N, C-alpha and C. Protein backbone atom coordinates (compact mmCIF):
# COMPACT_ATOMS: atom_id res chain seq x y z
N UNK A 1 0.78 -1.22 -0.09
CA UNK A 1 0.07 -0.04 -0.15
C UNK A 1 1.00 1.01 0.05
N UNK A 2 0.42 2.38 -0.71
CA UNK A 2 1.08 3.46 -0.47
C UNK A 2 1.31 4.09 0.80
N UNK A 3 2.74 4.52 1.03
CA UNK A 3 2.88 5.32 2.53
C UNK A 3 1.77 6.14 3.00
N UNK A 4 1.21 7.15 2.00
CA UNK A 4 0.53 8.00 2.23
C UNK A 4 -0.96 7.81 1.68
N UNK A 5 -1.23 6.66 1.81
CA UNK A 5 -2.76 6.20 1.24
C UNK A 5 -3.88 6.80 1.33
N UNK A 6 -4.45 7.24 0.43
CA UNK A 6 -5.53 8.06 0.39
C UNK A 6 -6.90 7.43 0.05
N UNK A 7 -7.72 7.16 1.16
CA UNK A 7 -9.13 6.34 0.86
C UNK A 7 -9.90 7.05 -0.09
N UNK A 8 -9.78 7.97 -0.60
CA UNK A 8 -10.46 8.73 -1.40
C UNK A 8 -10.10 8.87 -2.79
N UNK A 9 -8.91 8.23 -3.06
CA UNK A 9 -7.99 8.27 -4.14
C UNK A 9 -8.24 6.98 -4.83
N UNK A 10 -8.49 6.76 -6.12
CA UNK A 10 -8.31 5.40 -6.77
C UNK A 10 -7.34 4.96 -7.39
N UNK A 11 -6.45 3.88 -6.86
CA UNK A 11 -5.32 3.67 -7.29
C UNK A 11 -4.94 2.40 -8.15
N UNK A 12 -4.30 2.51 -9.24
CA UNK A 12 -3.99 1.35 -10.04
C UNK A 12 -3.73 0.19 -9.40
N UNK A 13 -3.86 -1.14 -9.50
CA UNK A 13 -3.34 -2.30 -8.99
C UNK A 13 -2.36 -2.86 -10.01
N UNK A 14 -1.16 -3.11 -9.57
CA UNK A 14 -0.25 -4.19 -10.28
C UNK A 14 0.19 -5.31 -9.64
N UNK A 15 -0.01 -6.30 -10.14
CA UNK A 15 0.39 -7.59 -9.72
C UNK A 15 1.60 -8.06 -10.28
N UNK A 16 2.45 -8.43 -9.37
CA UNK A 16 3.68 -8.93 -9.90
C UNK A 16 3.74 -10.45 -9.56
N UNK A 17 4.14 -11.31 -10.58
CA UNK A 17 4.04 -12.59 -10.60
C UNK A 17 5.55 -13.27 -10.75
N UNK A 18 5.79 -14.09 -9.49
CA UNK A 18 7.24 -14.50 -9.60
C UNK A 18 7.45 -15.83 -10.62
N UNK A 19 8.92 -15.94 -10.62
CA UNK A 19 9.38 -17.10 -11.31
C UNK A 19 9.13 -18.51 -10.92
N UNK A 20 9.65 -19.48 -11.56
CA UNK A 20 9.68 -20.82 -11.02
C UNK A 20 10.59 -20.64 -9.72
N UNK A 21 10.19 -21.51 -8.63
CA UNK A 21 10.92 -21.51 -7.39
C UNK A 21 11.37 -20.22 -6.89
N UNK A 22 10.87 -18.97 -7.43
CA UNK A 22 10.53 -17.60 -6.69
C UNK A 22 9.52 -17.66 -5.54
N UNK A 23 9.43 -16.39 -5.32
CA UNK A 23 8.26 -16.15 -4.06
C UNK A 23 7.91 -14.88 -4.25
N UNK A 24 6.59 -14.63 -3.57
CA UNK A 24 6.11 -13.40 -3.41
C UNK A 24 7.16 -12.52 -2.88
N UNK A 25 7.72 -13.04 -1.95
CA UNK A 25 8.70 -12.15 -1.06
C UNK A 25 9.88 -11.69 -1.85
N UNK A 26 10.33 -12.45 -3.16
CA UNK A 26 11.30 -11.94 -3.83
C UNK A 26 10.84 -10.77 -4.71
N UNK A 27 9.45 -11.08 -5.13
CA UNK A 27 8.99 -9.71 -6.14
C UNK A 27 9.04 -8.85 -5.41
N UNK A 28 8.42 -8.88 -4.01
CA UNK A 28 8.19 -7.44 -3.10
C UNK A 28 9.38 -6.95 -2.92
N UNK A 29 10.40 -7.87 -2.28
CA UNK A 29 11.56 -7.42 -1.77
C UNK A 29 12.77 -6.96 -2.84
N UNK A 30 13.72 -7.82 -3.33
CA UNK A 30 14.81 -7.29 -3.71
C UNK A 30 14.57 -7.03 -5.17
N UNK A 31 13.48 -7.80 -5.79
CA UNK A 31 13.08 -7.28 -7.22
C UNK A 31 12.34 -6.00 -7.22
N UNK A 32 11.48 -5.57 -6.14
CA UNK A 32 10.78 -4.40 -6.18
C UNK A 32 9.85 -4.30 -7.32
N UNK A 33 9.02 -5.43 -7.33
CA UNK A 33 7.92 -5.60 -8.47
C UNK A 33 8.80 -5.27 -9.83
N UNK A 34 9.93 -5.98 -10.09
CA UNK A 34 10.76 -5.90 -11.43
C UNK A 34 10.88 -4.30 -11.74
N UNK A 35 11.14 -3.52 -10.51
CA UNK A 35 11.70 -2.17 -10.61
C UNK A 35 10.65 -1.11 -10.75
N UNK A 36 9.28 -1.75 -10.54
CA UNK A 36 8.22 -0.80 -10.98
C UNK A 36 7.93 -0.05 -9.78
N UNK A 37 8.06 -0.59 -8.29
CA UNK A 37 7.72 0.01 -7.26
C UNK A 37 8.24 1.32 -7.00
N UNK A 38 9.62 1.44 -7.35
CA UNK A 38 10.24 2.85 -7.41
C UNK A 38 9.86 3.83 -8.22
N UNK A 39 9.55 3.41 -9.36
CA UNK A 39 9.03 4.46 -10.31
C UNK A 39 7.58 4.86 -9.96
N UNK A 40 6.83 4.02 -9.42
CA UNK A 40 5.45 4.62 -8.97
C UNK A 40 5.50 5.33 -7.93
N UNK A 41 6.47 5.11 -6.86
CA UNK A 41 6.46 5.97 -5.64
C UNK A 41 5.31 5.46 -4.82
N UNK A 42 4.32 6.48 -4.57
CA UNK A 42 3.15 6.03 -3.59
C UNK A 42 1.81 6.16 -4.59
N UNK A 43 2.02 5.99 -6.07
CA UNK A 43 0.77 6.16 -6.67
C UNK A 43 0.30 4.73 -7.24
N UNK A 44 0.42 3.76 -6.62
CA UNK A 44 -0.15 2.56 -6.89
C UNK A 44 -0.17 1.53 -5.61
N UNK A 45 -0.82 0.42 -5.91
CA UNK A 45 -0.97 -0.67 -5.04
C UNK A 45 -0.57 -1.70 -5.69
N UNK A 46 0.32 -2.36 -4.83
CA UNK A 46 1.21 -3.56 -5.70
C UNK A 46 0.92 -4.91 -4.76
N UNK A 47 0.78 -5.93 -5.50
CA UNK A 47 0.37 -7.19 -4.95
C UNK A 47 1.11 -8.08 -5.29
N UNK A 48 1.87 -9.00 -4.72
CA UNK A 48 2.72 -10.30 -4.96
C UNK A 48 2.14 -11.48 -4.62
N UNK A 49 1.45 -12.26 -5.24
CA UNK A 49 0.73 -13.33 -4.93
C UNK A 49 1.82 -14.40 -4.83
N UNK A 50 1.56 -15.80 -4.27
CA UNK A 50 2.55 -16.80 -4.18
C UNK A 50 1.81 -17.99 -4.65
N UNK A 51 2.50 -18.44 -5.64
CA UNK A 51 2.03 -19.56 -6.61
C UNK A 51 2.23 -20.97 -5.90
N UNK A 52 1.45 -21.72 -5.98
CA UNK A 52 1.26 -23.09 -5.41
C UNK A 52 2.47 -24.09 -6.23
N UNK A 53 3.26 -24.85 -5.52
CA UNK A 53 4.11 -25.68 -6.05
C UNK A 53 5.34 -24.87 -6.72
N UNK A 54 5.41 -23.67 -6.22
CA UNK A 54 6.65 -22.69 -6.56
C UNK A 54 6.54 -22.27 -7.99
N UNK A 55 5.44 -22.16 -8.34
CA UNK A 55 4.96 -21.61 -9.89
C UNK A 55 3.57 -21.45 -10.10
N UNK A 56 3.40 -21.50 -11.44
CA UNK A 56 2.15 -20.84 -11.83
C UNK A 56 1.52 -22.00 -13.09
N UNK A 57 1.34 -23.24 -12.58
CA UNK A 57 1.11 -24.46 -13.64
C UNK A 57 -0.27 -23.99 -14.03
N UNK A 58 -1.19 -23.52 -13.07
CA UNK A 58 -2.58 -23.10 -13.73
C UNK A 58 -3.34 -24.56 -13.73
N UNK A 59 -3.25 -25.49 -13.16
CA UNK A 59 -3.77 -26.80 -13.49
C UNK A 59 -5.20 -26.75 -13.21
N UNK A 60 -5.98 -26.93 -14.25
CA UNK A 60 -7.55 -26.82 -13.90
C UNK A 60 -7.92 -25.36 -13.90
N UNK A 61 -7.05 -24.43 -14.21
CA UNK A 61 -7.48 -23.06 -14.08
C UNK A 61 -7.54 -22.57 -12.42
N UNK A 62 -6.79 -23.55 -11.74
CA UNK A 62 -6.76 -23.06 -10.29
C UNK A 62 -5.96 -21.75 -10.07
N UNK A 63 -5.23 -21.36 -10.67
CA UNK A 63 -4.37 -20.00 -10.65
C UNK A 63 -5.22 -18.82 -10.89
N UNK A 64 -6.04 -19.24 -12.22
CA UNK A 64 -6.98 -18.15 -12.50
C UNK A 64 -8.09 -17.67 -11.69
N UNK A 65 -8.44 -18.99 -10.89
CA UNK A 65 -9.49 -18.58 -9.89
C UNK A 65 -8.99 -17.97 -8.91
N UNK A 66 -7.85 -18.45 -8.28
CA UNK A 66 -7.11 -17.57 -7.22
C UNK A 66 -7.00 -16.02 -7.39
N UNK A 67 -6.57 -15.68 -8.63
CA UNK A 67 -6.19 -14.53 -8.84
C UNK A 67 -7.46 -13.50 -9.15
N UNK A 68 -8.53 -14.19 -9.57
CA UNK A 68 -9.97 -13.56 -9.63
C UNK A 68 -10.32 -13.27 -8.15
N UNK A 69 -10.26 -14.32 -7.20
CA UNK A 69 -10.62 -14.02 -5.79
C UNK A 69 -9.62 -12.73 -5.19
N UNK A 70 -8.59 -12.97 -5.55
CA UNK A 70 -7.55 -12.01 -4.92
C UNK A 70 -7.72 -10.65 -5.34
N UNK A 71 -7.90 -10.34 -6.69
CA UNK A 71 -8.19 -9.14 -7.20
C UNK A 71 -9.58 -8.35 -6.59
N UNK A 72 -10.36 -9.39 -6.27
CA UNK A 72 -11.72 -9.01 -5.97
C UNK A 72 -11.50 -8.57 -4.16
N UNK A 73 -10.96 -9.16 -3.50
CA UNK A 73 -10.51 -9.14 -2.27
C UNK A 73 -9.64 -7.87 -2.04
N UNK A 74 -8.94 -7.54 -2.83
CA UNK A 74 -8.06 -6.05 -3.11
C UNK A 74 -9.15 -4.93 -3.38
N UNK A 75 -9.91 -5.21 -4.08
CA UNK A 75 -10.84 -4.02 -4.59
C UNK A 75 -11.92 -3.92 -3.51
N UNK A 76 -12.25 -4.87 -2.70
CA UNK A 76 -13.24 -4.62 -1.58
C UNK A 76 -12.63 -3.97 -0.50
N UNK A 77 -11.32 -4.11 -0.32
CA UNK A 77 -10.55 -3.62 0.88
C UNK A 77 -9.72 -2.23 0.84
N UNK A 78 -9.79 -1.81 -0.50
CA UNK A 78 -8.95 -0.55 -0.69
C UNK A 78 -9.69 0.27 -2.00
N UNK A 79 -9.44 1.43 -1.97
CA UNK A 79 -9.73 2.17 -3.06
C UNK A 79 -9.04 2.17 -4.28
N UNK A 80 -9.49 1.46 -5.20
CA UNK A 80 -8.74 1.09 -6.53
C UNK A 80 -9.48 1.59 -7.58
N UNK A 81 -8.81 1.77 -8.89
CA UNK A 81 -9.31 2.17 -10.02
C UNK A 81 -9.55 0.85 -10.78
N UNK A 82 -10.76 0.37 -10.94
CA UNK A 82 -11.06 -1.11 -11.52
C UNK A 82 -10.72 -0.91 -12.87
N UNK A 83 -10.57 0.24 -13.71
CA UNK A 83 -10.13 0.32 -14.91
C UNK A 83 -8.65 0.09 -15.25
N UNK A 84 -7.74 -0.06 -13.82
CA UNK A 84 -6.36 -0.01 -14.27
C UNK A 84 -6.04 -1.16 -13.44
N UNK A 85 -6.26 -2.25 -13.61
CA UNK A 85 -5.52 -3.45 -13.04
C UNK A 85 -4.54 -4.17 -14.03
N UNK A 86 -3.55 -4.13 -13.65
CA UNK A 86 -2.25 -4.86 -14.50
C UNK A 86 -1.58 -5.67 -14.01
N UNK A 87 -1.00 -6.79 -14.66
CA UNK A 87 -0.24 -7.77 -14.45
C UNK A 87 0.99 -7.85 -15.17
N UNK A 88 2.09 -8.23 -14.57
CA UNK A 88 3.64 -8.41 -15.11
C UNK A 88 4.17 -9.47 -14.37
N UNK A 89 5.17 -10.45 -14.83
CA UNK A 89 5.98 -11.33 -14.57
C UNK A 89 7.04 -11.92 -15.06
N UNK A 90 7.78 -12.66 -14.64
CA UNK A 90 8.99 -12.95 -15.39
C UNK A 90 9.18 -14.72 -15.34
N UNK A 91 9.43 -15.26 -16.39
CA UNK A 91 9.47 -16.78 -16.75
C UNK A 91 8.16 -17.50 -16.39
N UNK A 92 8.11 -18.09 -15.25
CA UNK A 92 6.72 -18.55 -14.97
C UNK A 92 5.57 -17.54 -14.71
N UNK A 93 6.08 -16.50 -14.24
CA UNK A 93 5.30 -15.24 -13.76
C UNK A 93 4.96 -14.60 -15.29
N UNK A 94 5.86 -14.88 -16.12
CA UNK A 94 5.46 -14.28 -17.63
C UNK A 94 4.31 -15.18 -18.25
N UNK A 95 4.44 -16.39 -17.96
CA UNK A 95 3.57 -17.36 -18.62
C UNK A 95 1.99 -17.27 -17.86
N UNK A 96 2.01 -16.90 -16.52
CA UNK A 96 0.98 -16.85 -15.74
C UNK A 96 0.20 -15.08 -16.34
N UNK A 97 1.20 -14.38 -16.62
CA UNK A 97 0.56 -13.04 -17.10
C UNK A 97 0.08 -13.59 -18.52
N UNK A 98 0.49 -14.22 -19.46
CA UNK A 98 -0.20 -14.56 -20.43
C UNK A 98 -1.41 -15.07 -20.32
N UNK A 99 -1.71 -16.05 -19.26
CA UNK A 99 -2.81 -16.78 -19.04
C UNK A 99 -3.97 -15.73 -18.51
N UNK A 100 -3.50 -14.93 -17.75
CA UNK A 100 -4.35 -13.81 -17.35
C UNK A 100 -4.82 -13.00 -18.56
N UNK A 101 -4.09 -12.66 -19.62
CA UNK A 101 -4.28 -11.85 -20.59
C UNK A 101 -5.47 -12.92 -21.44
N UNK A 102 -5.21 -13.83 -21.50
CA UNK A 102 -6.31 -14.79 -22.49
C UNK A 102 -7.56 -14.79 -21.79
N UNK A 103 -7.46 -14.90 -20.52
CA UNK A 103 -8.58 -15.31 -19.84
C UNK A 103 -9.45 -14.16 -19.02
N UNK A 104 -8.95 -13.14 -18.50
CA UNK A 104 -9.20 -12.34 -17.53
C UNK A 104 -9.18 -10.67 -17.81
N UNK A 105 -9.59 -10.67 -19.26
CA UNK A 105 -9.61 -9.27 -19.84
C UNK A 105 -10.90 -8.51 -19.33
N UNK A 106 -11.63 -9.18 -18.56
CA UNK A 106 -12.76 -8.45 -17.91
C UNK A 106 -12.50 -7.71 -16.81
N UNK A 107 -11.34 -8.20 -16.20
CA UNK A 107 -10.89 -7.20 -14.84
C UNK A 107 -9.57 -6.83 -15.01
N UNK A 108 -8.74 -7.37 -15.93
CA UNK A 108 -7.05 -6.84 -16.02
C UNK A 108 -7.18 -6.05 -17.48
N UNK A 109 -6.62 -5.00 -17.16
CA UNK A 109 -6.47 -4.06 -18.44
C UNK A 109 -5.27 -4.19 -19.34
N UNK A 110 -4.21 -4.62 -19.02
CA UNK A 110 -2.79 -4.86 -19.65
C UNK A 110 -1.85 -5.79 -19.00
N UNK A 111 -1.26 -6.53 -19.73
CA UNK A 111 -0.21 -7.14 -19.09
C UNK A 111 1.23 -6.87 -19.80
N UNK A 112 2.21 -7.37 -19.06
CA UNK A 112 3.67 -7.23 -19.54
C UNK A 112 4.49 -8.64 -19.16
N UNK A 113 4.19 -9.79 -19.92
CA UNK A 113 5.08 -10.73 -19.60
C UNK A 113 6.60 -10.61 -20.18
N UNK A 114 7.45 -11.19 -19.40
CA UNK A 114 8.89 -11.09 -19.37
C UNK A 114 9.30 -12.43 -19.70
N UNK A 115 10.06 -12.93 -20.64
CA UNK A 115 10.45 -14.22 -20.95
C UNK A 115 9.51 -15.24 -20.73
N UNK A 116 8.22 -14.91 -21.11
CA UNK A 116 7.20 -16.05 -20.90
C UNK A 116 6.62 -16.74 -22.22
N UNK A 117 5.68 -17.46 -22.15
CA UNK A 117 5.16 -18.31 -22.99
C UNK A 117 3.66 -18.58 -22.86
N UNK A 118 3.21 -19.69 -23.58
CA UNK A 118 1.73 -20.03 -23.24
C UNK A 118 1.71 -21.18 -22.41
N UNK A 119 2.68 -21.65 -21.60
CA UNK A 119 2.80 -22.81 -20.91
C UNK A 119 1.82 -22.85 -19.59
N UNK A 120 1.29 -21.95 -19.23
CA UNK A 120 0.24 -22.01 -18.10
C UNK A 120 -1.14 -21.85 -18.50
N UNK A 121 -1.19 -22.03 -19.99
CA UNK A 121 -2.44 -22.06 -20.49
C UNK A 121 -2.97 -21.03 -21.07
N UNK A 122 -3.99 -20.93 -22.22
CA UNK A 122 -4.52 -19.73 -22.74
C UNK A 122 -5.99 -20.10 -23.02
N UNK A 123 -6.89 -19.92 -22.33
CA UNK A 123 -8.33 -20.27 -22.42
C UNK A 123 -8.99 -19.42 -23.39
N UNK A 124 -9.77 -19.72 -24.02
CA UNK A 124 -10.64 -18.72 -25.01
C UNK A 124 -11.51 -17.71 -24.22
N UNK A 125 -11.58 -16.50 -24.66
CA UNK A 125 -12.23 -15.36 -24.06
C UNK A 125 -12.59 -14.58 -25.05
N UNK A 126 -13.69 -13.74 -24.97
CA UNK A 126 -14.17 -12.60 -25.83
C UNK A 126 -13.41 -11.37 -25.25
N UNK A 127 -12.96 -11.46 -23.81
CA UNK A 127 -12.26 -10.21 -23.12
C UNK A 127 -10.76 -10.00 -24.01
N UNK A 128 -10.42 -8.81 -24.23
CA UNK A 128 -9.24 -8.81 -25.01
C UNK A 128 -8.58 -7.68 -23.76
N UNK A 129 -7.16 -7.83 -23.99
CA UNK A 129 -6.12 -6.99 -23.02
C UNK A 129 -5.08 -6.41 -23.87
N UNK A 130 -4.78 -5.25 -23.59
CA UNK A 130 -3.64 -4.67 -24.24
C UNK A 130 -2.18 -5.48 -23.75
N UNK A 131 -1.04 -5.73 -24.71
CA UNK A 131 0.08 -6.50 -24.18
C UNK A 131 1.36 -6.00 -24.49
N UNK A 132 2.44 -6.06 -23.75
CA UNK A 132 3.74 -5.66 -24.15
C UNK A 132 4.44 -6.93 -23.64
N UNK A 133 5.40 -7.33 -24.65
CA UNK A 133 6.06 -8.54 -24.53
C UNK A 133 7.66 -8.12 -24.41
N UNK A 134 8.35 -8.89 -23.48
CA UNK A 134 9.80 -8.73 -23.51
C UNK A 134 10.35 -10.06 -23.63
N UNK A 135 11.44 -10.21 -24.60
CA UNK A 135 12.19 -11.53 -24.65
C UNK A 135 13.30 -11.40 -25.26
N UNK A 136 14.35 -12.24 -24.83
CA UNK A 136 15.80 -12.16 -25.45
C UNK A 136 15.88 -13.13 -26.29
N UNK A 137 16.57 -12.84 -27.46
CA UNK A 137 16.55 -13.77 -28.37
C UNK A 137 17.72 -15.06 -27.71
N UNK A 138 18.69 -14.73 -27.08
CA UNK A 138 19.33 -15.78 -26.38
C UNK A 138 18.96 -16.66 -25.26
N UNK A 139 17.64 -16.51 -25.12
CA UNK A 139 17.14 -17.20 -23.81
C UNK A 139 17.11 -18.74 -24.09
N UNK A 140 17.80 -19.47 -23.26
CA UNK A 140 17.91 -20.97 -23.52
C UNK A 140 17.01 -21.77 -22.38
N UNK A 141 16.28 -21.04 -21.64
CA UNK A 141 15.31 -21.63 -20.78
C UNK A 141 13.77 -21.44 -21.47
N UNK A 142 13.50 -20.47 -21.72
CA UNK A 142 12.08 -20.13 -22.52
C UNK A 142 12.35 -19.69 -23.87
N UNK A 143 12.54 -20.53 -24.91
CA UNK A 143 12.78 -20.05 -26.29
C UNK A 143 12.07 -18.77 -26.80
N UNK A 144 13.02 -18.00 -27.52
CA UNK A 144 12.27 -16.83 -28.07
C UNK A 144 11.23 -17.24 -28.95
N UNK A 145 11.27 -18.18 -29.71
CA UNK A 145 10.10 -18.54 -30.50
C UNK A 145 8.84 -18.76 -29.31
N UNK A 146 8.97 -19.21 -28.37
CA UNK A 146 7.90 -19.67 -27.59
C UNK A 146 7.20 -18.15 -27.06
N UNK A 147 8.07 -17.02 -26.93
CA UNK A 147 7.60 -15.73 -26.66
C UNK A 147 6.74 -15.23 -27.93
N UNK A 148 7.34 -15.52 -28.97
CA UNK A 148 6.87 -14.95 -30.35
C UNK A 148 5.35 -15.62 -30.51
N UNK A 149 5.29 -16.81 -30.07
CA UNK A 149 4.11 -17.43 -30.25
C UNK A 149 3.07 -17.06 -29.38
N UNK A 150 3.47 -16.59 -28.14
CA UNK A 150 2.25 -15.92 -27.37
C UNK A 150 1.98 -14.50 -28.00
N UNK A 151 2.98 -13.79 -28.49
CA UNK A 151 2.94 -12.63 -29.13
C UNK A 151 1.78 -12.55 -30.32
N UNK A 152 2.10 -13.59 -31.04
CA UNK A 152 1.32 -13.81 -32.30
C UNK A 152 -0.03 -13.96 -31.91
N UNK A 153 -0.13 -14.97 -30.91
CA UNK A 153 -1.77 -15.19 -30.49
C UNK A 153 -2.42 -13.97 -29.99
N UNK A 154 -1.75 -13.06 -29.37
CA UNK A 154 -2.40 -11.61 -28.81
C UNK A 154 -2.81 -10.66 -30.32
N UNK A 155 -1.76 -10.71 -31.16
CA UNK A 155 -1.88 -10.04 -32.27
C UNK A 155 -3.29 -10.40 -33.17
N UNK A 156 -3.45 -11.82 -33.12
CA UNK A 156 -4.36 -12.37 -33.81
C UNK A 156 -5.86 -12.07 -32.92
N UNK A 157 -5.83 -12.06 -31.67
CA UNK A 157 -6.78 -11.74 -30.64
C UNK A 157 -7.28 -10.38 -30.84
N UNK A 158 -6.33 -9.37 -30.92
CA UNK A 158 -6.58 -8.20 -31.00
C UNK A 158 -6.76 -7.24 -32.31
N UNK A 159 -6.67 -8.42 -33.29
CA UNK A 159 -6.81 -8.01 -34.76
C UNK A 159 -5.91 -7.16 -35.23
N UNK A 160 -4.61 -7.25 -34.90
CA UNK A 160 -3.66 -6.36 -35.33
C UNK A 160 -3.14 -6.57 -36.59
N UNK A 161 -2.58 -5.68 -37.08
CA UNK A 161 -1.59 -6.15 -38.57
C UNK A 161 -0.12 -6.50 -38.28
N UNK A 162 0.48 -6.75 -39.40
CA UNK A 162 1.95 -7.28 -39.16
C UNK A 162 2.96 -5.76 -39.33
N UNK A 163 2.24 -4.64 -39.58
CA UNK A 163 3.09 -3.34 -39.72
C UNK A 163 3.38 -2.93 -38.31
N UNK A 164 4.60 -2.44 -38.35
CA UNK A 164 5.08 -2.12 -36.93
C UNK A 164 5.65 -0.68 -37.05
N UNK A 165 5.59 0.04 -35.78
CA UNK A 165 6.59 1.33 -35.66
C UNK A 165 7.29 1.25 -34.31
N UNK A 166 8.64 1.80 -34.35
CA UNK A 166 9.30 2.04 -33.32
C UNK A 166 8.53 2.60 -31.99
N UNK A 167 8.89 2.39 -30.89
CA UNK A 167 7.98 2.87 -29.61
C UNK A 167 9.04 2.79 -28.47
N UNK A 168 9.08 3.97 -27.72
CA UNK A 168 10.03 4.00 -26.61
C UNK A 168 11.37 4.09 -27.20
N UNK A 169 12.57 3.97 -26.14
CA UNK A 169 13.75 4.34 -26.79
C UNK A 169 14.78 2.99 -26.53
N UNK A 170 14.04 1.66 -26.53
CA UNK A 170 14.80 0.44 -26.19
C UNK A 170 14.63 -0.67 -27.19
N UNK A 171 14.26 -0.26 -28.50
CA UNK A 171 14.00 -1.02 -29.56
C UNK A 171 12.81 -1.93 -29.76
N UNK A 172 11.71 -1.39 -28.83
CA UNK A 172 10.41 -2.02 -28.76
C UNK A 172 9.72 -1.56 -30.16
N UNK A 173 8.73 -2.27 -30.56
CA UNK A 173 7.92 -2.05 -31.69
C UNK A 173 6.42 -2.24 -31.24
N UNK A 174 5.56 -1.27 -32.03
CA UNK A 174 4.23 -1.40 -31.67
C UNK A 174 3.59 -1.72 -32.93
N UNK A 175 2.69 -2.91 -32.89
CA UNK A 175 1.96 -3.25 -34.11
C UNK A 175 0.71 -2.53 -34.19
N UNK A 176 0.43 -2.40 -35.74
CA UNK A 176 -0.58 -1.11 -36.07
C UNK A 176 -1.85 -1.83 -36.33
N UNK A 177 -2.97 -1.15 -36.39
CA UNK A 177 -4.16 -1.54 -36.56
C UNK A 177 -4.95 -2.49 -35.62
N UNK A 178 -4.55 -2.64 -34.46
CA UNK A 178 -5.11 -3.32 -33.20
C UNK A 178 -6.44 -2.64 -32.98
N UNK A 179 -7.32 -3.56 -32.32
CA UNK A 179 -8.48 -3.16 -31.72
C UNK A 179 -8.07 -1.80 -30.85
N UNK A 180 -9.04 -0.98 -31.06
CA UNK A 180 -8.88 0.37 -30.22
C UNK A 180 -8.63 0.10 -28.66
N UNK A 181 -7.67 0.73 -28.15
CA UNK A 181 -7.40 0.47 -26.74
C UNK A 181 -6.78 -0.83 -26.50
N UNK A 182 -6.58 -1.65 -27.26
CA UNK A 182 -5.70 -3.00 -27.24
C UNK A 182 -4.46 -2.98 -27.86
N UNK A 183 -3.43 -2.09 -27.67
CA UNK A 183 -2.17 -2.30 -28.58
C UNK A 183 -1.22 -3.48 -27.89
N UNK A 184 -0.51 -4.02 -28.96
CA UNK A 184 0.43 -4.98 -28.71
C UNK A 184 1.63 -4.44 -29.07
N UNK A 185 2.68 -4.43 -28.03
CA UNK A 185 4.00 -4.15 -28.15
C UNK A 185 5.10 -5.30 -28.18
N UNK A 186 6.13 -5.49 -28.97
CA UNK A 186 6.94 -6.49 -28.84
C UNK A 186 8.31 -5.90 -28.45
N UNK A 187 9.17 -6.30 -27.26
CA UNK A 187 10.59 -5.83 -27.17
C UNK A 187 11.56 -6.99 -27.06
N UNK A 188 12.00 -7.31 -28.34
CA UNK A 188 12.90 -8.56 -28.45
C UNK A 188 14.36 -7.78 -28.46
N UNK A 189 15.11 -8.57 -27.51
CA UNK A 189 16.52 -8.04 -27.32
C UNK A 189 17.55 -9.04 -28.02
N UNK A 190 18.59 -8.71 -28.28
CA UNK A 190 19.57 -9.74 -28.79
C UNK A 190 20.09 -10.46 -27.72
N UNK A 191 20.34 -9.83 -26.60
CA UNK A 191 20.92 -10.64 -25.72
C UNK A 191 20.30 -10.40 -24.30
N UNK A 192 20.77 -11.05 -23.25
CA UNK A 192 20.08 -10.81 -22.05
C UNK A 192 19.91 -12.35 -21.48
N UNK A 193 19.79 -13.46 -22.24
CA UNK A 193 19.49 -14.75 -21.76
C UNK A 193 18.13 -14.70 -21.04
N UNK A 194 17.99 -15.64 -19.90
CA UNK A 194 16.78 -15.69 -19.31
C UNK A 194 16.51 -14.96 -18.27
N UNK A 195 16.29 -13.59 -18.61
CA UNK A 195 16.22 -12.39 -17.48
C UNK A 195 15.44 -11.45 -17.95
N UNK A 196 15.22 -10.37 -17.32
CA UNK A 196 14.50 -9.31 -17.80
C UNK A 196 15.42 -7.97 -17.77
N UNK A 197 15.30 -7.25 -18.80
CA UNK A 197 16.50 -6.12 -19.03
C UNK A 197 16.12 -4.94 -17.99
N UNK A 198 17.10 -4.01 -17.97
CA UNK A 198 17.07 -3.11 -16.97
C UNK A 198 15.98 -2.02 -17.44
N UNK A 199 15.76 -2.10 -18.58
CA UNK A 199 14.63 -0.96 -19.23
C UNK A 199 13.21 -1.66 -18.90
N UNK A 200 13.06 -2.66 -18.48
CA UNK A 200 11.74 -3.27 -18.31
C UNK A 200 10.87 -2.43 -17.46
N UNK A 201 11.32 -1.96 -16.45
CA UNK A 201 10.46 -1.29 -15.57
C UNK A 201 10.01 0.17 -16.29
N UNK A 202 10.83 0.70 -17.10
CA UNK A 202 10.66 2.19 -17.69
C UNK A 202 9.64 1.90 -18.88
N UNK A 203 9.73 0.96 -19.69
CA UNK A 203 8.76 0.55 -20.77
C UNK A 203 7.48 -0.02 -20.11
N UNK A 204 7.57 -0.75 -19.00
CA UNK A 204 6.21 -1.35 -18.62
C UNK A 204 5.27 -0.36 -18.02
N UNK A 205 6.02 0.64 -17.41
CA UNK A 205 5.27 2.01 -16.82
C UNK A 205 4.82 3.00 -17.72
N UNK A 206 5.41 3.04 -18.84
CA UNK A 206 4.92 3.84 -19.83
C UNK A 206 3.75 3.29 -20.39
N UNK A 207 3.83 2.08 -20.64
CA UNK A 207 2.82 1.21 -21.47
C UNK A 207 1.52 1.27 -20.30
N UNK A 208 1.71 1.03 -19.15
CA UNK A 208 0.62 0.94 -18.29
C UNK A 208 -0.04 2.49 -18.04
N UNK A 209 0.92 3.50 -18.09
CA UNK A 209 0.35 4.81 -18.24
C UNK A 209 -0.42 5.38 -19.15
N UNK A 210 -0.52 4.48 -20.22
CA UNK A 210 -1.43 4.93 -21.29
C UNK A 210 -2.79 4.58 -21.06
N UNK A 211 -3.28 4.07 -20.10
CA UNK A 211 -4.42 3.43 -19.77
C UNK A 211 -5.08 4.24 -18.49
N UNK A 212 -5.77 5.28 -18.69
CA UNK A 212 -6.31 6.13 -17.89
C UNK A 212 -7.52 5.98 -17.46
């Protein structure tokens, strides 16, 4: 919660999802929500959930059900902007971010999967989200092609074209012609391995800030 929490101010909610064998404490602590907490200062509510079995396998949609209940609990207990619920995560957390984007567009506005894939599932839904993907070409744990597969699914869901324009200052590109308010951005890096780049927080916040 913001140190100077104002019960009359509607805050965005940012969900940070940990990697395999990581924890909510890792996301909240040394990761600082992948660098986002410092950038937001006291202007957001941050939530770091803990996945069962040290990850987000989402067996039988159990993690989707949990996250829906968690978001509802947060919204009942704090003053939040229900139009600005965002999810981001790295590795297994990136996979779960994709699963959220596939299925929870009715409550989540945008996702930023980092080094993710579709391995936590992607259920059909008519609800769409905005999405920004970050992936390194030399990722030997979650292949670049797996990240591209997730990106391509959201491009199709959001009716985007294959044309792109540069966005930001870190080599990201935004696809054109997407459904209104549902942009898709791809940040592919040459190197970095299985990790998230230093610019991830900057690009993520700039992306989330588009949705007011």
